Amino acid sequence: MAVRKEEAGEVPISSLIDVVFLLIMFFVVTSNIEKEAFDVQINLVKAQNMKPAVLVPQKRITLNIQKDPKNPDEGLYFVESSMVSPEQLKVELIAFKRAVGNEGTVMIRADKELLFRHESEVIEAIKASGLVNIRIQAELEAKQ
């Protein structure tokens, strides 16, 4: 009777590494990486004697109000990174409220010269949506 020699079972590591690498690439490409919708062309209002916000709300929608290059007295509205009209702004905020409920926060980033010129349109849109949490983003001024 011949005695069988036990062979050590080996797992082909190179093919497993390839599969893991492909899975990582798939999830990176298909995942929705959340990014802040900040517009660098906005000169924010300066805030004095304020503490910086420590916690950023999880459920938030960012509203950017930027100067119109063609007409500096007018503002352009952006929800996240999409330009909208004042009527579309209401629709976007209502849809956001339906999606997240009462915990939703509206983050307003407005050019310092336009913040109070378009205040009534923005407040009307927020009021129509039923959202109650509002934050105005400002640039902290260094204490002297």
C-alpha atoms as a PDB file:
ATOM      1  CA  MET A   1       0.000   0.000   0.000  1.00  0.00           C
ATOM      2  CA  ALA A   2       1.371   3.316  -1.016  1.00  0.00           C
ATOM      3  CA  VAL A   3       1.233   6.104   1.507  1.00  0.00           C
ATOM      4  CA  ARG A   4      -0.011   9.353   0.127  1.00  0.00           C
ATOM      5  CA  LYS A   5       2.074  12.357   0.847  1.00  0.00           C
ATOM      6  CA  GLU A   6       0.061  15.244   2.294  1.00  0.00           C
ATOM      7  CA  GLU A   7       0.354  18.370   0.261  1.00  0.00           C
ATOM      8  CA  ALA A   8      -0.098  21.744   1.786  1.00  0.00           C
ATOM      9  CA  GLY A   9      -3.069  23.547   0.237  1.00  0.00           C
ATOM     10  CA  GLU A  10      -2.170  26.975  -1.045  1.00  0.00           C
ATOM     11  CA  VAL A  11      -4.581  29.744  -1.775  1.00  0.00           C
ATOM     12  CA  PRO A  12      -3.710  31.815  -4.850  1.00  0.00           C
ATOM     13  CA  ILE A  13      -3.182  35.199  -3.183  1.00  0.00           C
ATOM     14  CA  SER A  14      -2.536  37.146  -6.386  1.00  0.00           C
ATOM     15  CA  SER A  15      -6.036  36.535  -7.734  1.00  0.00           C
ATOM     16  CA  LEU A  16      -7.602  37.442  -4.363  1.00  0.00           C
ATOM     17  CA  ILE A  17      -5.656  40.693  -4.295  1.00  0.00           C
ATOM     18  CA  ASP A  18      -6.946  41.502  -7.776  1.00  0.00           C
ATOM     19  CA  VAL A  19     -10.541  40.866  -6.716  1.00  0.00           C
ATOM     20  CA  VAL A  20     -10.186  42.995  -3.573  1.00  0.00           C
ATOM     21  CA  PHE A  21      -8.593  45.796  -5.579  1.00  0.00           C
ATOM     22  CA  LEU A  22     -11.454  45.727  -8.104  1.00  0.00           C
ATOM     23  CA  LEU A  23     -14.038  45.802  -5.304  1.00  0.00           C
ATOM     24  CA  ILE A  24     -12.341  48.806  -3.712  1.00  0.00           C
ATOM     25  CA  MET A  25     -12.292  50.622  -7.043  1.00  0.00           C
ATOM     26  CA  PHE A  26     -15.973  49.807  -7.607  1.00  0.00           C
ATOM     27  CA  PHE A  27     -17.056  51.189  -4.233  1.00  0.00           C
ATOM     28  CA  VAL A  28     -14.925  54.326  -4.566  1.00  0.00           C
ATOM     29  CA  VAL A  29     -16.299  55.116  -8.007  1.00  0.00           C
ATOM     30  CA  THR A  30     -19.949  54.371  -7.196  1.00  0.00           C
ATOM     31  CA  SER A  31     -20.109  55.834  -3.708  1.00  0.00           C
ATOM     32  CA  ASN A  32     -21.642  59.229  -3.205  1.00  0.00           C
ATOM     33  CA  ILE A  33     -18.841  61.184  -1.613  1.00  0.00           C
ATOM     34  CA  GLU A  34     -20.394  64.100   0.213  1.00  0.00           C
ATOM     35  CA  LYS A  35     -18.716  67.375  -0.487  1.00  0.00           C
ATOM     36  CA  GLU A  36     -19.533  70.817   0.700  1.00  0.00           C
ATOM     37  CA  ALA A  37     -21.178  73.026  -1.875  1.00  0.00           C
ATOM     38  CA  PHE A  38     -18.979  76.037  -1.322  1.00  0.00           C
ATOM     39  CA  ASP A  39     -18.594  78.695  -3.929  1.00  0.00           C
ATOM     40  CA  VAL A  40     -15.211  80.396  -3.686  1.00  0.00           C
ATOM     41  CA  GLN A  41     -16.526  83.541  -5.373  1.00  0.00           C
ATOM     42  CA  ILE A  42     -18.597  84.515  -2.341  1.00  0.00           C
ATOM     43  CA  ASN A  43     -17.229  87.128   0.042  1.00  0.00           C
ATOM     44  CA  LEU A  44     -18.835  86.082   3.314  1.00  0.00           C
ATOM     45  CA  VAL A  45     -20.048  88.457   5.985  1.00  0.00           C
ATOM     46  CA  LYS A  46     -17.492  89.003   8.757  1.00  0.00           C
ATOM     47  CA  ALA A  47     -18.574  87.947  12.237  1.00  0.00           C
ATOM     48  CA  GLN A  48     -17.157  89.450  15.405  1.00  0.00           C
ATOM     49  CA  ASN A  49     -17.238  88.029  18.926  1.00  0.00           C
ATOM     50  CA  MET A  50     -18.627  84.694  17.762  1.00  0.00           C
ATOM     51  CA  LYS A  51     -17.451  81.215  18.577  1.00  0.00           C
ATOM     52  CA  PRO A  52     -16.774  78.951  15.595  1.00  0.00           C
ATOM     53  CA  ALA A  53     -19.347  76.237  14.997  1.00  0.00           C
ATOM     54  CA  VAL A  54     -18.055  72.909  16.226  1.00  0.00           C
ATOM     55  CA  LEU A  55     -20.713  70.595  14.850  1.00  0.00           C
ATOM     56  CA  VAL A  56     -21.915  70.703  11.277  1.00  0.00           C
ATOM     57  CA  PRO A  57     -25.477  69.381  10.937  1.00  0.00           C
ATOM     58  CA  GLN A  58     -25.700  65.993   9.265  1.00  0.00           C
ATOM     59  CA  LYS A  59     -28.938  66.766   7.395  1.00  0.00           C
ATOM     60  CA  ARG A  60     -28.345  70.077   5.685  1.00  0.00           C
ATOM     61  CA  ILE A  61     -28.865  71.858   2.411  1.00  0.00           C
ATOM     62  CA  THR A  62     -26.530  74.658   1.375  1.00  0.00           C
ATOM     63  CA  LEU A  63     -27.917  77.781  -0.268  1.00  0.00           C
ATOM     64  CA  ASN A  64     -25.325  80.016  -1.948  1.00  0.00           C
ATOM     65  CA  ILE A  65     -26.224  83.561  -2.965  1.00  0.00           C
ATOM     66  CA  GLN A  66     -23.632  84.960  -5.328  1.00  0.00           C
ATOM     67  CA  LYS A  67     -23.318  88.279  -7.159  1.00  0.00           C
ATOM     68  CA  ASP A  68     -24.479  88.213 -10.746  1.00  0.00           C
ATOM     69  CA  PRO A  69     -21.441  89.230 -12.857  1.00  0.00           C
ATOM     70  CA  LYS A  70     -23.742  90.901 -15.408  1.00  0.00           C
ATOM     71  CA  ASN A  71     -25.788  92.806 -12.816  1.00  0.00           C
ATOM     72  CA  PRO A  72     -23.951  93.280  -9.466  1.00  0.00           C
ATOM     73  CA  ASP A  73     -27.141  94.375  -7.679  1.00  0.00           C
ATOM     74  CA  GLU A  74     -28.824  91.066  -8.410  1.00  0.00           C
ATOM     75  CA  GLY A  75     -28.048  87.717  -6.851  1.00  0.00           C
ATOM     76  CA  LEU A  76     -27.776  84.231  -8.271  1.00  0.00           C
ATOM     77  CA  TYR A  77     -29.173  81.399  -6.162  1.00  0.00           C
ATOM     78  CA  PHE A  78     -27.427  78.043  -5.972  1.00  0.00           C
ATOM     79  CA  VAL A  79     -28.790  75.043  -4.080  1.00  0.00           C
ATOM     80  CA  GLU A  80     -25.722  72.934  -3.421  1.00  0.00           C
ATOM     81  CA  SER A  81     -24.027  73.511  -6.803  1.00  0.00           C
ATOM     82  CA  SER A  82     -27.081  73.915  -9.054  1.00  0.00           C
ATOM     83  CA  MET A  83     -28.318  77.368 -10.049  1.00  0.00           C
ATOM     84  CA  VAL A  84     -32.026  77.867  -9.327  1.00  0.00           C
ATOM     85  CA  SER A  85     -34.613  80.623  -9.623  1.00  0.00           C
ATOM     86  CA  PRO A  86     -36.457  81.898  -6.507  1.00  0.00           C
ATOM     87  CA  GLU A  87     -39.449  79.713  -7.469  1.00  0.00           C
ATOM     88  CA  GLN A  88     -37.230  76.649  -7.907  1.00  0.00           C
ATOM     89  CA  LEU A  89     -35.619  77.450  -4.546  1.00  0.00           C
ATOM     90  CA  LYS A  90     -38.982  76.912  -2.833  1.00  0.00           C
ATOM     91  CA  VAL A  91     -39.451  73.599  -4.643  1.00  0.00           C
ATOM     92  CA  GLU A  92     -35.941  72.409  -3.671  1.00  0.00           C
ATOM     93  CA  LEU A  93     -36.452  73.347  -0.011  1.00  0.00           C
ATOM     94  CA  ILE A  94     -39.865  71.647   0.129  1.00  0.00           C
ATOM     95  CA  ALA A  95     -38.366  68.468  -1.377  1.00  0.00           C
ATOM     96  CA  PHE A  96     -35.530  68.617   1.166  1.00  0.00           C
ATOM     97  CA  LYS A  97     -38.017  69.000   4.039  1.00  0.00           C
ATOM     98  CA  ARG A  98     -39.974  65.971   2.794  1.00  0.00           C
ATOM     99  CA  ALA A  99     -36.785  63.921   2.572  1.00  0.00           C
ATOM    100  CA  VAL A 100     -35.290  64.715   5.995  1.00  0.00           C
ATOM    101  CA  GLY A 101     -38.174  66.010   8.103  1.00  0.00           C
ATOM    102  CA  ASN A 102     -37.825  68.550  10.883  1.00  0.00           C
ATOM    103  CA  GLU A 103     -34.132  67.844  11.501  1.00  0.00           C
ATOM    104  CA  GLY A 104     -33.074  69.515   8.248  1.00  0.00           C
ATOM    105  CA  THR A 105     -30.937  72.649   8.397  1.00  0.00           C
ATOM    106  CA  VAL A 106     -30.617  75.376   5.776  1.00  0.00           C
ATOM    107  CA  MET A 107     -27.046  76.704   5.541  1.00  0.00           C
ATOM    108  CA  ILE A 108     -27.038  80.157   3.930  1.00  0.00           C
ATOM    109  CA  ARG A 109     -23.788  81.368   2.365  1.00  0.00           C
ATOM    110  CA  ALA A 110     -24.346  84.817   0.922  1.00  0.00           C
ATOM    111  CA  ASP A 111     -22.128  87.508  -0.466  1.00  0.00           C
ATOM    112  CA  LYS A 112     -21.779  90.203   2.193  1.00  0.00           C
ATOM    113  CA  GLU A 113     -23.270  92.848  -0.098  1.00  0.00           C
ATOM    114  CA  LEU A 114     -26.280  90.703  -1.045  1.00  0.00           C
ATOM    115  CA  LEU A 115     -27.277  89.022   2.210  1.00  0.00           C
ATOM    116  CA  PHE A 116     -29.936  91.527   3.237  1.00  0.00           C
ATOM    117  CA  ARG A 117     -31.006  92.549  -0.283  1.00  0.00           C
ATOM    118  CA  HIS A 118     -32.404  89.095  -0.958  1.00  0.00           C
ATOM    119  CA  GLU A 119     -33.378  88.258   2.587  1.00  0.00           C
ATOM    120  CA  SER A 120     -37.139  88.423   1.969  1.00  0.00           C
ATOM    121  CA  GLU A 121     -37.034  86.002  -1.004  1.00  0.00           C
ATOM    122  CA  VAL A 122     -34.920  83.509   0.933  1.00  0.00           C
ATOM    123  CA  ILE A 123     -37.022  83.752   4.098  1.00  0.00           C
ATOM    124  CA  GLU A 124     -40.242  83.299   2.072  1.00  0.00           C
ATOM    125  CA  ALA A 125     -38.817  80.170   0.432  1.00  0.00           C
ATOM    126  CA  ILE A 126     -37.714  78.741   3.793  1.00  0.00           C
ATOM    127  CA  LYS A 127     -41.073  79.626   5.369  1.00  0.00           C
ATOM    128  CA  ALA A 128     -42.945  77.904   2.513  1.00  0.00           C
ATOM    129  CA  SER A 129     -40.901  74.744   3.033  1.00  0.00           C
ATOM    130  CA  GLY A 130     -41.606  74.552   6.776  1.00  0.00           C
ATOM    131  CA  LEU A 131     -37.932  74.282   7.732  1.00  0.00           C
ATOM    132  CA  VAL A 132     -37.049  75.943  11.037  1.00  0.00           C
ATOM    133  CA  ASN A 133     -33.302  75.397  11.452  1.00  0.00           C
ATOM    134  CA  ILE A 134     -31.357  78.126   9.678  1.00  0.00           C
ATOM    135  CA  ARG A 135     -27.656  78.942   9.838  1.00  0.00           C
ATOM    136  CA  ILE A 136     -25.890  81.845   8.169  1.00  0.00           C
ATOM    137  CA  GLN A 137     -22.267  81.101   7.433  1.00  0.00           C
ATOM    138  CA  ALA A 138     -19.850  83.915   8.160  1.00  0.00           C
ATOM    139  CA  GLU A 139     -16.123  84.430   8.148  1.00  0.00           C
ATOM    140  CA  LEU A 140     -14.610  84.839  11.614  1.00  0.00           C
ATOM    141  CA  GLU A 141     -12.806  88.112  12.023  1.00  0.00           C
ATOM    142  CA  ALA A 142      -9.537  87.896  13.951  1.00  0.00           C
ATOM    143  CA  LYS A 143      -9.709  89.484  17.398  1.00  0.00           C
ATOM    144  CA  GLN A 144      -7.349  92.383  17.858  1.00  0.00           C
END
